[in-house]
Structure formats: structure tokens, C-alpha cells
Amino acid sequence: MKRIIKQELIDMAVLHMSYAEMADVFGVTVQELKSKYGPLIKKKRIETQQAIKHTQLKTALKGDRVMLQLLGQELLGQGQDVIDYFDNLTLNLTVSEVREIQKAASISTNSKQGRCEYGE
């Protein structure tokens, strides 16, 4: 059995390599890998997913139309009918009105209950 190098294992988990692929690289069984390193692998995969979601949200909030549509569908359950409505909607807003809307929609991350609070 080849020695498992923890940093290599972490790198593979971050890339979402399968257990079978990782086990093959280290010359162990999938079961051995899961029993000894399962929680670590899961944690690193979750961290990657969180980083991707964070980047997607940042991209959407910068105004990327495609990302806004995808996240609207995924996170808000918005279907094509909502997208079509907003595609055809024209808003005549001033810069100060846009800033006021952005301020009202700002998310406070101070909540200790794990909930998002929206500014007023």
C-alpha cells in the first residue's frame, strides 16, 4: 500500500476526484479511503462548492445576466416566464434610485441565527 500524502489527497478532493480515482492513485481500496479520510474529503469538497457558489453570486451581483438567470432559477425557483418578463421590462431609474435599491437589498451578515437580514 502506497503512503497517502494528506496534501495530495486534499488537492484531489478539492478537484472533486472520485473516491475510486483517489484510491487508485494511492493504491488503497475505496473503503479504506472513506473510513480513514471520508470526513476530510467531504469537507474539502464542500469548501469547493461554497467557493464556486460565492463566485457565481459575485458574478451575478456584478450584473452578469446569464448568471442572474441561472441563480434565479436555482435559488429562487424562477422559471422561464419570470425571465421572459424581466427581459421585456424597461426601468427608467436614476443612478440615485439604483443606489437606493442596492442599499435596501444589502445583506447583513451579522445574524447569529444563520439567517440573512435585509437592510431597510
PDB file of N, CA and C in Angstrom:
ATOM      1  N   MET A   1       0.850  -1.181   0.000  1.00  0.00           N
ATOM      2  CA  MET A   1       0.000   0.000   0.000  1.00  0.00           C
ATOM      3  C   MET A   1       0.894   1.242   0.000  1.00  0.00           C
ATOM      4  N   LYS A   2       0.599   2.142  -0.914  1.00  0.00           N
ATOM      5  CA  LYS A   2       1.333   3.396  -1.032  1.00  0.00           C
ATOM      6  C   LYS A   2       0.927   4.330   0.107  1.00  0.00           C
ATOM      7  N   ARG A   3       1.873   5.102   0.595  1.00  0.00           N
ATOM      8  CA  ARG A   3       1.593   6.061   1.673  1.00  0.00           C
ATOM      9  C   ARG A   3       0.721   7.197   1.133  1.00  0.00           C
ATOM     10  N   ILE A   4      -0.324   7.538   1.879  1.00  0.00           N
ATOM     11  CA  ILE A   4      -1.209   8.619   1.469  1.00  0.00           C
ATOM     12  C   ILE A   4      -0.630   9.934   1.953  1.00  0.00           C
ATOM     13  N   ILE A   5      -0.396  10.822   1.013  1.00  0.00           N
ATOM     14  CA  ILE A   5       0.112  12.150   1.340  1.00  0.00           C
ATOM     15  C   ILE A   5      -1.099  13.066   1.463  1.00  0.00           C
ATOM     16  N   LYS A   6      -1.282  13.577   2.681  1.00  0.00           N
ATOM     17  CA  LYS A   6      -2.503  14.311   3.011  1.00  0.00           C
ATOM     18  C   LYS A   6      -2.742  15.488   2.061  1.00  0.00           C
ATOM     19  N   GLN A   7      -1.722  16.271   1.741  1.00  0.00           N
ATOM     20  CA  GLN A   7      -1.921  17.434   0.882  1.00  0.00           C
ATOM     21  C   GLN A   7      -2.344  17.009  -0.533  1.00  0.00           C
ATOM     22  N   GLU A   8      -1.787  15.921  -1.013  1.00  0.00           N
ATOM     23  CA  GLU A   8      -2.200  15.407  -2.328  1.00  0.00           C
ATOM     24  C   GLU A   8      -3.659  14.976  -2.289  1.00  0.00           C
ATOM     25  N   LEU A   9      -4.045  14.330  -1.204  1.00  0.00           N
ATOM     26  CA  LEU A   9      -5.428  13.898  -1.043  1.00  0.00           C
ATOM     27  C   LEU A   9      -6.361  15.113  -1.008  1.00  0.00           C
ATOM     28  N   ILE A  10      -5.972  16.140  -0.266  1.00  0.00           N
ATOM     29  CA  ILE A  10      -6.772  17.374  -0.199  1.00  0.00           C
ATOM     30  C   ILE A  10      -6.906  17.991  -1.588  1.00  0.00           C
ATOM     31  N   ASP A  11      -5.805  18.060  -2.318  1.00  0.00           N
ATOM     32  CA  ASP A  11      -5.840  18.625  -3.676  1.00  0.00           C
ATOM     33  C   ASP A  11      -6.804  17.851  -4.572  1.00  0.00           C
ATOM     34  N   MET A  12      -6.807  16.549  -4.441  1.00  0.00           N
ATOM     35  CA  MET A  12      -7.712  15.720  -5.244  1.00  0.00           C
ATOM     36  C   MET A  12      -9.162  15.937  -4.828  1.00  0.00           C
ATOM     37  N   ALA A  13      -9.407  16.054  -3.530  1.00  0.00           N
ATOM     38  CA  ALA A  13     -10.770  16.270  -3.039  1.00  0.00           C
ATOM     39  C   ALA A  13     -11.298  17.616  -3.510  1.00  0.00           C
ATOM     40  N   VAL A  14     -10.441  18.640  -3.482  1.00  0.00           N
ATOM     41  CA  VAL A  14     -10.836  19.973  -3.946  1.00  0.00           C
ATOM     42  C   VAL A  14     -11.245  19.926  -5.419  1.00  0.00           C
ATOM     43  N   LEU A  15     -10.600  19.078  -6.185  1.00  0.00           N
ATOM     44  CA  LEU A  15     -10.922  18.922  -7.608  1.00  0.00           C
ATOM     45  C   LEU A  15     -12.103  17.982  -7.846  1.00  0.00           C
ATOM     46  N   HIS A  16     -12.690  17.482  -6.764  1.00  0.00           N
ATOM     47  CA  HIS A  16     -13.833  16.564  -6.822  1.00  0.00           C
ATOM     48  C   HIS A  16     -13.519  15.272  -7.565  1.00  0.00           C
ATOM     49  N   MET A  17     -12.289  14.799  -7.408  1.00  0.00           N
ATOM     50  CA  MET A  17     -11.968  13.490  -7.974  1.00  0.00           C
ATOM     51  C   MET A  17     -12.795  12.450  -7.230  1.00  0.00           C
ATOM     52  N   SER A  18     -13.142  11.383  -7.911  1.00  0.00           N
ATOM     53  CA  SER A  18     -13.955  10.341  -7.279  1.00  0.00           C
ATOM     54  C   SER A  18     -13.112   9.563  -6.274  1.00  0.00           C
ATOM     55  N   TYR A  19     -13.816   8.898  -5.365  1.00  0.00           N
ATOM     56  CA  TYR A  19     -13.111   8.048  -4.405  1.00  0.00           C
ATOM     57  C   TYR A  19     -12.301   6.979  -5.139  1.00  0.00           C
ATOM     58  N   ALA A  20     -12.869   6.431  -6.200  1.00  0.00           N
ATOM     59  CA  ALA A  20     -12.170   5.378  -6.960  1.00  0.00           C
ATOM     60  C   ALA A  20     -10.877   5.920  -7.555  1.00  0.00           C
ATOM     61  N   GLU A  21     -10.921   7.136  -8.099  1.00  0.00           N
ATOM     62  CA  GLU A  21      -9.709   7.732  -8.669  1.00  0.00           C
ATOM     63  C   GLU A  21      -8.649   7.957  -7.598  1.00  0.00           C
ATOM     64  N   MET A  22      -9.071   8.504  -6.462  1.00  0.00           N
ATOM     65  CA  MET A  22      -8.113   8.757  -5.382  1.00  0.00           C
ATOM     66  C   MET A  22      -7.541   7.445  -4.840  1.00  0.00           C
ATOM     67  N   ALA A  23      -8.398   6.469  -4.636  1.00  0.00           N
ATOM     68  CA  ALA A  23      -7.948   5.174  -4.116  1.00  0.00           C
ATOM     69  C   ALA A  23      -6.940   4.540  -5.066  1.00  0.00           C
ATOM     70  N   ASP A  24      -7.183   4.666  -6.357  1.00  0.00           N
ATOM     71  CA  ASP A  24      -6.279   4.107  -7.362  1.00  0.00           C
ATOM     72  C   ASP A  24      -4.907   4.770  -7.287  1.00  0.00           C
ATOM     73  N   VAL A  25      -4.886   6.088  -7.144  1.00  0.00           N
ATOM     74  CA  VAL A  25      -3.618   6.820  -7.059  1.00  0.00           C
ATOM     75  C   VAL A  25      -2.800   6.358  -5.858  1.00  0.00           C
ATOM     76  N   PHE A  26      -3.468   6.138  -4.730  1.00  0.00           N
ATOM     77  CA  PHE A  26      -2.754   5.785  -3.509  1.00  0.00           C
ATOM     78  C   PHE A  26      -2.633   4.276  -3.284  1.00  0.00           C
ATOM     79  N   GLY A  27      -3.235   3.483  -4.152  1.00  0.00           N
ATOM     80  CA  GLY A  27      -3.126   2.031  -4.026  1.00  0.00           C
ATOM     81  C   GLY A  27      -3.854   1.462  -2.823  1.00  0.00           C
ATOM     82  N   VAL A  28      -4.997   2.058  -2.503  1.00  0.00           N
ATOM     83  CA  VAL A  28      -5.828   1.569  -1.402  1.00  0.00           C
ATOM     84  C   VAL A  28      -7.228   1.304  -1.942  1.00  0.00           C
ATOM     85  N   THR A  29      -8.053   0.685  -1.123  1.00  0.00           N
ATOM     86  CA  THR A  29      -9.431   0.459  -1.551  1.00  0.00           C
ATOM     87  C   THR A  29     -10.251   1.714  -1.266  1.00  0.00           C
ATOM     88  N   VAL A  30     -11.356   1.812  -1.950  1.00  0.00           N
ATOM     89  CA  VAL A  30     -12.273   2.934  -1.721  1.00  0.00           C
ATOM     90  C   VAL A  30     -12.730   2.921  -0.273  1.00  0.00           C
ATOM     91  N   GLN A  31     -13.033   1.736   0.257  1.00  0.00           N
ATOM     92  CA  GLN A  31     -13.490   1.619   1.640  1.00  0.00           C
ATOM     93  C   GLN A  31     -12.434   2.115   2.622  1.00  0.00           C
ATOM     94  N   GLU A  32     -11.175   1.758   2.391  1.00  0.00           N
ATOM     95  CA  GLU A  32     -10.095   2.227   3.274  1.00  0.00           C
ATOM     96  C   GLU A  32     -10.001   3.755   3.239  1.00  0.00           C
ATOM     97  N   LEU A  33     -10.104   4.299   2.052  1.00  0.00           N
ATOM     98  CA  LEU A  33     -10.025   5.751   1.881  1.00  0.00           C
ATOM     99  C   LEU A  33     -11.183   6.451   2.592  1.00  0.00           C
ATOM    100  N   LYS A  34     -12.385   5.931   2.388  1.00  0.00           N
ATOM    101  CA  LYS A  34     -13.565   6.527   3.024  1.00  0.00           C
ATOM    102  C   LYS A  34     -13.503   6.432   4.538  1.00  0.00           C
ATOM    103  N   SER A  35     -13.085   5.272   5.051  1.00  0.00           N
ATOM    104  CA  SER A  35     -13.094   5.084   6.504  1.00  0.00           C
ATOM    105  C   SER A  35     -12.071   5.985   7.196  1.00  0.00           C
ATOM    106  N   LYS A  36     -10.936   6.202   6.573  1.00  0.00           N
ATOM    107  CA  LYS A  36      -9.891   6.992   7.223  1.00  0.00           C
ATOM    108  C   LYS A  36      -9.981   8.482   6.887  1.00  0.00           C
ATOM    109  N   TYR A  37     -10.373   8.806   5.660  1.00  0.00           N
ATOM    110  CA  TYR A  37     -10.322  10.195   5.212  1.00  0.00           C
ATOM    111  C   TYR A  37     -11.655  10.750   4.718  1.00  0.00           C
ATOM    112  N   GLY A  38     -12.723   9.991   4.863  1.00  0.00           N
ATOM    113  CA  GLY A  38     -14.029  10.422   4.371  1.00  0.00           C
ATOM    114  C   GLY A  38     -14.450  11.811   4.832  1.00  0.00           C
ATOM    115  N   PRO A  39     -14.390  12.109   6.145  1.00  0.00           N
ATOM    116  CA  PRO A  39     -14.800  13.439   6.609  1.00  0.00           C
ATOM    117  C   PRO A  39     -13.950  14.573   6.027  1.00  0.00           C
ATOM    118  N   LEU A  40     -12.651  14.350   5.895  1.00  0.00           N
ATOM    119  CA  LEU A  40     -11.773  15.364   5.319  1.00  0.00           C
ATOM    120  C   LEU A  40     -12.110  15.603   3.848  1.00  0.00           C
ATOM    121  N   ILE A  41     -12.303  14.532   3.106  1.00  0.00           N
ATOM    122  CA  ILE A  41     -12.644  14.645   1.685  1.00  0.00           C
ATOM    123  C   ILE A  41     -13.963  15.391   1.523  1.00  0.00           C
ATOM    124  N   LYS A  42     -14.950  15.021   2.335  1.00  0.00           N
ATOM    125  CA  LYS A  42     -16.253  15.682   2.269  1.00  0.00           C
ATOM    126  C   LYS A  42     -16.122  17.172   2.567  1.00  0.00           C
ATOM    127  N   LYS A  43     -15.361  17.508   3.607  1.00  0.00           N
ATOM    128  CA  LYS A  43     -15.162  18.913   3.988  1.00  0.00           C
ATOM    129  C   LYS A  43     -14.538  19.703   2.844  1.00  0.00           C
ATOM    130  N   LYS A  44     -13.521  19.166   2.209  1.00  0.00           N
ATOM    131  CA  LYS A  44     -12.831  19.879   1.128  1.00  0.00           C
ATOM    132  C   LYS A  44     -13.728  20.014  -0.107  1.00  0.00           C
ATOM    133  N   ARG A  45     -14.540  19.012  -0.373  1.00  0.00           N
ATOM    134  CA  ARG A  45     -15.489  19.115  -1.492  1.00  0.00           C
ATOM    135  C   ARG A  45     -16.524  20.201  -1.213  1.00  0.00           C
ATOM    136  N   ILE A  46     -17.014  20.268   0.027  1.00  0.00           N
ATOM    137  CA  ILE A  46     -17.989  21.298   0.401  1.00  0.00           C
ATOM    138  C   ILE A  46     -17.362  22.683   0.281  1.00  0.00           C
ATOM    139  N   GLU A  47     -16.117  22.823   0.711  1.00  0.00           N
ATOM    140  CA  GLU A  47     -15.432  24.110   0.591  1.00  0.00           C
ATOM    141  C   GLU A  47     -15.336  24.554  -0.867  1.00  0.00           C
ATOM    142  N   THR A  48     -15.068  23.611  -1.756  1.00  0.00           N
ATOM    143  CA  THR A  48     -15.014  23.937  -3.186  1.00  0.00           C
ATOM    144  C   THR A  48     -16.382  24.377  -3.685  1.00  0.00           C
ATOM    145  N   GLN A  49     -17.422  23.662  -3.288  1.00  0.00           N
ATOM    146  CA  GLN A  49     -18.780  24.033  -3.698  1.00  0.00           C
ATOM    147  C   GLN A  49     -19.136  25.424  -3.192  1.00  0.00           C
ATOM    148  N   GLN A  50     -18.771  25.725  -1.953  1.00  0.00           N
ATOM    149  CA  GLN A  50     -19.056  27.039  -1.392  1.00  0.00           C
ATOM    150  C   GLN A  50     -18.311  28.130  -2.147  1.00  0.00           C
ATOM    151  N   ALA A  51     -17.066  27.875  -2.503  1.00  0.00           N
ATOM    152  CA  ALA A  51     -16.277  28.857  -3.247  1.00  0.00           C
ATOM    153  C   ALA A  51     -16.887  29.119  -4.623  1.00  0.00           C
ATOM    154  N   ILE A  52     -17.367  28.064  -5.264  1.00  0.00           N
ATOM    155  CA  ILE A  52     -17.996  28.216  -6.574  1.00  0.00           C
ATOM    156  C   ILE A  52     -19.285  29.024  -6.445  1.00  0.00           C
ATOM    157  N   LYS A  53     -20.105  28.698  -5.452  1.00  0.00           N
ATOM    158  CA  LYS A  53     -21.346  29.444  -5.248  1.00  0.00           C
ATOM    159  C   LYS A  53     -21.062  30.916  -4.951  1.00  0.00           C
ATOM    160  N   HIS A  54     -20.051  31.173  -4.142  1.00  0.00           N
ATOM    161  CA  HIS A  54     -19.681  32.544  -3.804  1.00  0.00           C
ATOM    162  C   HIS A  54     -19.266  33.311  -5.074  1.00  0.00           C
ATOM    163  N   THR A  55     -18.453  32.678  -5.895  1.00  0.00           N
ATOM    164  CA  THR A  55     -18.003  33.310  -7.135  1.00  0.00           C
ATOM    165  C   THR A  55     -19.176  33.535  -8.080  1.00  0.00           C
ATOM    166  N   GLN A  56     -20.081  32.575  -8.166  1.00  0.00           N
ATOM    167  CA  GLN A  56     -21.260  32.745  -9.016  1.00  0.00           C
ATOM    168  C   GLN A  56     -22.107  33.922  -8.542  1.00  0.00           C
ATOM    169  N   LEU A  57     -22.300  34.011  -7.240  1.00  0.00           N
ATOM    170  CA  LEU A  57     -23.114  35.102  -6.695  1.00  0.00           C
ATOM    171  C   LEU A  57     -22.448  36.450  -6.942  1.00  0.00           C
ATOM    172  N   LYS A  58     -21.138  36.529  -6.731  1.00  0.00           N
ATOM    173  CA  LYS A  58     -20.417  37.777  -7.012  1.00  0.00           C
ATOM    174  C   LYS A  58     -20.558  38.165  -8.479  1.00  0.00           C
ATOM    175  N   THR A  59     -20.459  37.186  -9.361  1.00  0.00           N
ATOM    176  CA  THR A  59     -20.606  37.437 -10.793  1.00  0.00           C
ATOM    177  C   THR A  59     -22.006  37.943 -11.100  1.00  0.00           C
ATOM    178  N   ALA A  60     -23.009  37.322 -10.509  1.00  0.00           N
ATOM    179  CA  ALA A  60     -24.391  37.745 -10.734  1.00  0.00           C
ATOM    180  C   ALA A  60     -24.617  39.163 -10.226  1.00  0.00           C
ATOM    181  N   LEU A  61     -24.089  39.454  -9.045  1.00  0.00           N
ATOM    182  CA  LEU A  61     -24.297  40.773  -8.459  1.00  0.00           C
ATOM    183  C   LEU A  61     -23.565  41.883  -9.220  1.00  0.00           C
ATOM    184  N   LYS A  62     -22.590  41.497 -10.034  1.00  0.00           N
ATOM    185  CA  LYS A  62     -21.922  42.464 -10.908  1.00  0.00           C
ATOM    186  C   LYS A  62     -22.740  42.714 -12.171  1.00  0.00           C
ATOM    187  N   GLY A  63     -23.869  41.996 -12.294  1.00  0.00           N
ATOM    188  CA  GLY A  63     -24.776  42.230 -13.406  1.00  0.00           C
ATOM    189  C   GLY A  63     -24.700  41.224 -14.532  1.00  0.00           C
ATOM    190  N   ASP A  64     -23.991  40.122 -14.341  1.00  0.00           N
ATOM    191  CA  ASP A  64     -23.918  39.103 -15.385  1.00  0.00           C
ATOM    192  C   ASP A  64     -25.300  38.499 -15.590  1.00  0.00           C
ATOM    193  N   ARG A  65     -25.879  38.774 -16.719  1.00  0.00           N
ATOM    194  CA  ARG A  65     -27.263  38.399 -16.996  1.00  0.00           C
ATOM    195  C   ARG A  65     -27.490  36.888 -16.959  1.00  0.00           C
ATOM    196  N   VAL A  66     -26.601  36.147 -17.556  1.00  0.00           N
ATOM    197  CA  VAL A  66     -26.749  34.689 -17.590  1.00  0.00           C
ATOM    198  C   VAL A  66     -26.678  34.116 -16.171  1.00  0.00           C
ATOM    199  N   MET A  67     -25.721  34.607 -15.384  1.00  0.00           N
ATOM    200  CA  MET A  67     -25.593  34.101 -14.020  1.00  0.00           C
ATOM    201  C   MET A  67     -26.804  34.503 -13.184  1.00  0.00           C
ATOM    202  N   LEU A  68     -27.324  35.711 -13.386  1.00  0.00           N
ATOM    203  CA  LEU A  68     -28.540  36.119 -12.690  1.00  0.00           C
ATOM    204  C   LEU A  68     -29.695  35.184 -13.022  1.00  0.00           C
ATOM    205  N   GLN A  69     -29.827  34.826 -14.277  1.00  0.00           N
ATOM    206  CA  GLN A  69     -30.903  33.919 -14.690  1.00  0.00           C
ATOM    207  C   GLN A  69     -30.722  32.543 -14.078  1.00  0.00           C
ATOM    208  N   LEU A  70     -29.509  32.017 -14.134  1.00  0.00           N
ATOM    209  CA  LEU A  70     -29.259  30.682 -13.593  1.00  0.00           C
ATOM    210  C   LEU A  70     -29.498  30.630 -12.086  1.00  0.00           C
ATOM    211  N   LEU A  71     -28.990  31.633 -11.373  1.00  0.00           N
ATOM    212  CA  LEU A  71     -29.192  31.640  -9.926  1.00  0.00           C
ATOM    213  C   LEU A  71     -30.644  31.918  -9.566  1.00  0.00           C
ATOM    214  N   GLY A  72     -31.323  32.737 -10.362  1.00  0.00           N
ATOM    215  CA  GLY A  72     -32.750  32.966 -10.142  1.00  0.00           C
ATOM    216  C   GLY A  72     -33.536  31.674 -10.251  1.00  0.00           C
ATOM    217  N   GLN A  73     -33.183  30.863 -11.231  1.00  0.00           N
ATOM    218  CA  GLN A  73     -33.862  29.577 -11.397  1.00  0.00           C
ATOM    219  C   GLN A  73     -33.511  28.624 -10.258  1.00  0.00           C
ATOM    220  N   GLU A  74     -32.223  28.561  -9.913  1.00  0.00           N
ATOM    221  CA  GLU A  74     -31.764  27.601  -8.908  1.00  0.00           C
ATOM    222  C   GLU A  74     -32.163  28.009  -7.488  1.00  0.00           C
ATOM    223  N   LEU A  75     -31.891  29.250  -7.125  1.00  0.00           N
ATOM    224  CA  LEU A  75     -32.093  29.676  -5.748  1.00  0.00           C
ATOM    225  C   LEU A  75     -33.499  30.179  -5.460  1.00  0.00           C
ATOM    226  N   LEU A  76     -34.137  30.760  -6.447  1.00  0.00           N
ATOM    227  CA  LEU A  76     -35.440  31.381  -6.230  1.00  0.00           C
ATOM    228  C   LEU A  76     -36.586  30.620  -6.885  1.00  0.00           C
ATOM    229  N   GLY A  77     -36.261  29.576  -7.630  1.00  0.00           N
ATOM    230  CA  GLY A  77     -37.291  28.786  -8.283  1.00  0.00           C
ATOM    231  C   GLY A  77     -37.991  29.520  -9.408  1.00  0.00           C
ATOM    232  N   GLN A  78     -37.309  30.510  -9.963  1.00  0.00           N
ATOM    233  CA  GLN A  78     -37.913  31.289 -11.045  1.00  0.00           C
ATOM    234  C   GLN A  78     -37.826  30.499 -12.352  1.00  0.00           C
ATOM    235  N   GLY A  79     -38.937  30.433 -13.041  1.00  0.00           N
ATOM    236  CA  GLY A  79     -38.976  29.732 -14.312  1.00  0.00           C
ATOM    237  C   GLY A  79     -38.760  30.671 -15.483  1.00  0.00           C
ATOM    238  N   GLN A  80     -38.879  30.140 -16.668  1.00  0.00           N
ATOM    239  CA  GLN A  80     -38.668  30.921 -17.888  1.00  0.00           C
ATOM    240  C   GLN A  80     -39.644  32.079 -17.993  1.00  0.00           C
ATOM    241  N   ASP A  81     -40.868  31.930 -17.474  1.00  0.00           N
ATOM    242  CA  ASP A  81     -41.843  33.009 -17.561  1.00  0.00           C
ATOM    243  C   ASP A  81     -41.379  34.258 -16.814  1.00  0.00           C
ATOM    244  N   VAL A  82     -40.700  34.066 -15.673  1.00  0.00           N
ATOM    245  CA  VAL A  82     -40.164  35.204 -14.927  1.00  0.00           C
ATOM    246  C   VAL A  82     -39.026  35.849 -15.707  1.00  0.00           C
ATOM    247  N   ILE A  83     -38.180  35.027 -16.302  1.00  0.00           N
ATOM    248  CA  ILE A  83     -37.060  35.549 -17.095  1.00  0.00           C
ATOM    249  C   ILE A  83     -37.588  36.332 -18.281  1.00  0.00           C
ATOM    250  N   ASP A  84     -38.591  35.791 -18.982  1.00  0.00           N
ATOM    251  CA  ASP A  84     -39.169  36.500 -20.115  1.00  0.00           C
ATOM    252  C   ASP A  84     -39.754  37.842 -19.692  1.00  0.00           C
ATOM    253  N   TYR A  85     -40.406  37.872 -18.535  1.00  0.00           N
ATOM    254  CA  TYR A  85     -40.993  39.116 -18.024  1.00  0.00           C
ATOM    255  C   TYR A  85     -39.895  40.163 -17.822  1.00  0.00           C
ATOM    256  N   PHE A  86     -38.827  39.776 -17.144  1.00  0.00           N
ATOM    257  CA  PHE A  86     -37.766  40.743 -16.862  1.00  0.00           C
ATOM    258  C   PHE A  86     -36.960  41.095 -18.105  1.00  0.00           C
ATOM    259  N   ASP A  87     -36.881  40.192 -19.054  1.00  0.00           N
ATOM    260  CA  ASP A  87     -36.194  40.514 -20.310  1.00  0.00           C
ATOM    261  C   ASP A  87     -36.906  41.645 -21.048  1.00  0.00           C
ATOM    262  N   ASN A  88     -38.210  41.704 -20.926  1.00  0.00           N
ATOM    263  CA  ASN A  88     -39.002  42.707 -21.646  1.00  0.00           C
ATOM    264  C   ASN A  88     -39.342  43.925 -20.796  1.00  0.00           C
ATOM    265  N   LEU A  89     -38.851  43.959 -19.568  1.00  0.00           N
ATOM    266  CA  LEU A  89     -39.156  45.044 -18.654  1.00  0.00           C
ATOM    267  C   LEU A  89     -38.123  46.160 -18.812  1.00  0.00           C
ATOM    268  N   THR A  90     -38.589  47.365 -18.927  1.00  0.00           N
ATOM    269  CA  THR A  90     -37.707  48.518 -19.009  1.00  0.00           C
ATOM    270  C   THR A  90     -37.936  49.387 -17.784  1.00  0.00           C
ATOM    271  N   LEU A  91     -36.879  49.673 -17.076  1.00  0.00           N
ATOM    272  CA  LEU A  91     -36.957  50.527 -15.906  1.00  0.00           C
ATOM    273  C   LEU A  91     -36.231  51.834 -16.201  1.00  0.00           C
ATOM    274  N   ASN A  92     -36.868  52.925 -15.947  1.00  0.00           N
ATOM    275  CA  ASN A  92     -36.241  54.223 -16.124  1.00  0.00           C
ATOM    276  C   ASN A  92     -35.863  54.753 -14.745  1.00  0.00           C
ATOM    277  N   LEU A  93     -34.690  54.353 -14.279  1.00  0.00           N
ATOM    278  CA  LEU A  93     -34.242  54.725 -12.949  1.00  0.00           C
ATOM    279  C   LEU A  93     -33.036  55.655 -13.040  1.00  0.00           C
ATOM    280  N   THR A  94     -32.957  56.547 -12.076  1.00  0.00           N
ATOM    281  CA  THR A  94     -31.772  57.394 -11.974  1.00  0.00           C
ATOM    282  C   THR A  94     -30.700  56.627 -11.216  1.00  0.00           C
ATOM    283  N   VAL A  95     -29.491  57.125 -11.275  1.00  0.00           N
ATOM    284  CA  VAL A  95     -28.386  56.488 -10.561  1.00  0.00           C
ATOM    285  C   VAL A  95     -28.670  56.477  -9.066  1.00  0.00           C
ATOM    286  N   SER A  96     -29.213  57.558  -8.530  1.00  0.00           N
ATOM    287  CA  SER A  96     -29.509  57.600  -7.090  1.00  0.00           C
ATOM    288  C   SER A  96     -30.594  56.590  -6.724  1.00  0.00           C
ATOM    289  N   GLU A  97     -31.570  56.376  -7.595  1.00  0.00           N
ATOM    290  CA  GLU A  97     -32.607  55.374  -7.334  1.00  0.00           C
ATOM    291  C   GLU A  97     -32.019  53.964  -7.335  1.00  0.00           C
ATOM    292  N   VAL A  98     -31.114  53.707  -8.252  1.00  0.00           N
ATOM    293  CA  VAL A  98     -30.450  52.402  -8.304  1.00  0.00           C
ATOM    294  C   VAL A  98     -29.648  52.179  -7.028  1.00  0.00           C
ATOM    295  N   ARG A  99     -28.922  53.204  -6.584  1.00  0.00           N
ATOM    296  CA  ARG A  99     -28.143  53.083  -5.348  1.00  0.00           C
ATOM    297  C   ARG A  99     -29.051  52.840  -4.145  1.00  0.00           C
ATOM    298  N   GLU A 100     -30.192  53.473  -4.116  1.00  0.00           N
ATOM    299  CA  GLU A 100     -31.145  53.286  -3.024  1.00  0.00           C
ATOM    300  C   GLU A 100     -31.676  51.846  -3.016  1.00  0.00           C
ATOM    301  N   ILE A 101     -31.939  51.307  -4.189  1.00  0.00           N
ATOM    302  CA  ILE A 101     -32.389  49.908  -4.294  1.00  0.00           C
ATOM    303  C   ILE A 101     -31.286  48.973  -3.818  1.00  0.00           C
ATOM    304  N   GLN A 102     -30.057  49.249  -4.247  1.00  0.00           N
ATOM    305  CA  GLN A 102     -28.933  48.408  -3.821  1.00  0.00           C
ATOM    306  C   GLN A 102     -28.760  48.462  -2.306  1.00  0.00           C
ATOM    307  N   LYS A 103     -28.899  49.639  -1.732  1.00  0.00           N
ATOM    308  CA  LYS A 103     -28.779  49.799  -0.287  1.00  0.00           C
ATOM    309  C   LYS A 103     -29.883  49.018   0.429  1.00  0.00           C
ATOM    310  N   ALA A 104     -31.084  49.088  -0.084  1.00  0.00           N
ATOM    311  CA  ALA A 104     -32.219  48.389   0.529  1.00  0.00           C
ATOM    312  C   ALA A 104     -32.063  46.878   0.447  1.00  0.00           C
ATOM    313  N   ALA A 105     -31.367  46.418  -0.570  1.00  0.00           N
ATOM    314  CA  ALA A 105     -31.218  44.970  -0.762  1.00  0.00           C
ATOM    315  C   ALA A 105     -29.925  44.429  -0.171  1.00  0.00           C
ATOM    316  N   SER A 106     -29.147  45.290   0.486  1.00  0.00           N
ATOM    317  CA  SER A 106     -27.867  44.821   1.025  1.00  0.00           C
ATOM    318  C   SER A 106     -28.109  43.777   2.101  1.00  0.00           C
ATOM    319  N   ILE A 107     -27.219  42.796   2.142  1.00  0.00           N
ATOM    320  CA  ILE A 107     -27.363  41.687   3.074  1.00  0.00           C
ATOM    321  C   ILE A 107     -26.464  41.928   4.277  1.00  0.00           C
ATOM    322  N   SER A 108     -27.033  41.806   5.467  1.00  0.00           N
ATOM    323  CA  SER A 108     -26.269  41.905   6.700  1.00  0.00           C
ATOM    324  C   SER A 108     -25.839  40.501   7.103  1.00  0.00           C
ATOM    325  N   THR A 109     -24.557  40.332   7.315  1.00  0.00           N
ATOM    326  CA  THR A 109     -24.060  39.006   7.706  1.00  0.00           C
ATOM    327  C   THR A 109     -23.834  38.934   9.205  1.00  0.00           C
ATOM    328  N   ASN A 110     -24.432  39.848   9.958  1.00  0.00           N
ATOM    329  CA  ASN A 110     -24.242  39.873  11.400  1.00  0.00           C
ATOM    330  C   ASN A 110     -25.175  38.922  12.144  1.00  0.00           C
ATOM    331  N   SER A 111     -26.084  38.298  11.452  1.00  0.00           N
ATOM    332  CA  SER A 111     -27.080  37.460  12.116  1.00  0.00           C
ATOM    333  C   SER A 111     -26.418  36.260  12.779  1.00  0.00           C
ATOM    334  N   LYS A 112     -26.724  36.042  14.050  1.00  0.00           N
ATOM    335  CA  LYS A 112     -26.147  34.904  14.769  1.00  0.00           C
ATOM    336  C   LYS A 112     -26.985  33.657  14.619  1.00  0.00           C
ATOM    337  N   GLN A 113     -28.184  33.794  14.058  1.00  0.00           N
ATOM    338  CA  GLN A 113     -29.036  32.622  13.873  1.00  0.00           C
ATOM    339  C   GLN A 113     -28.808  31.970  12.512  1.00  0.00           C
ATOM    340  N   GLY A 114     -27.830  32.447  11.737  1.00  0.00           N
ATOM    341  CA  GLY A 114     -27.553  31.854  10.440  1.00  0.00           C
ATOM    342  C   GLY A 114     -28.502  32.299   9.362  1.00  0.00           C
ATOM    343  N   ARG A 115     -29.283  33.363   9.624  1.00  0.00           N
ATOM    344  CA  ARG A 115     -30.212  33.864   8.634  1.00  0.00           C
ATOM    345  C   ARG A 115     -29.677  35.163   8.067  1.00  0.00           C
ATOM    346  N   CYS A 116     -30.076  35.493   6.877  1.00  0.00           N
ATOM    347  CA  CYS A 116     -29.713  36.757   6.271  1.00  0.00           C
ATOM    348  C   CYS A 116     -30.779  37.789   6.632  1.00  0.00           C
ATOM    349  N   GLU A 117     -30.321  38.973   6.978  1.00  0.00           N
ATOM    350  CA  GLU A 117     -31.245  40.057   7.239  1.00  0.00           C
ATOM    351  C   GLU A 117     -31.041  41.098   6.158  1.00  0.00           C
ATOM    352  N   TYR A 118     -32.107  41.604   5.635  1.00  0.00           N
ATOM    353  CA  TYR A 118     -32.019  42.570   4.555  1.00  0.00           C
ATOM    354  C   TYR A 118     -32.217  43.960   5.113  1.00  0.00           C
ATOM    355  N   GLY A 119     -31.340  44.903   4.665  1.00  0.00           N
ATOM    356  CA  GLY A 119     -31.405  46.274   5.123  1.00  0.00           C
ATOM    357  C   GLY A 119     -32.681  46.957   4.701  1.00  0.00           C
ATOM    358  N   GLU A 120     -33.048  48.002   5.434  1.00  0.00           N
ATOM    359  CA  GLU A 120     -34.279  48.735   5.125  1.00  0.00           C
ATOM    360  C   GLU A 120     -33.947  50.144   4.737  1.00  0.00           C
TER     361      GLU A 120
END
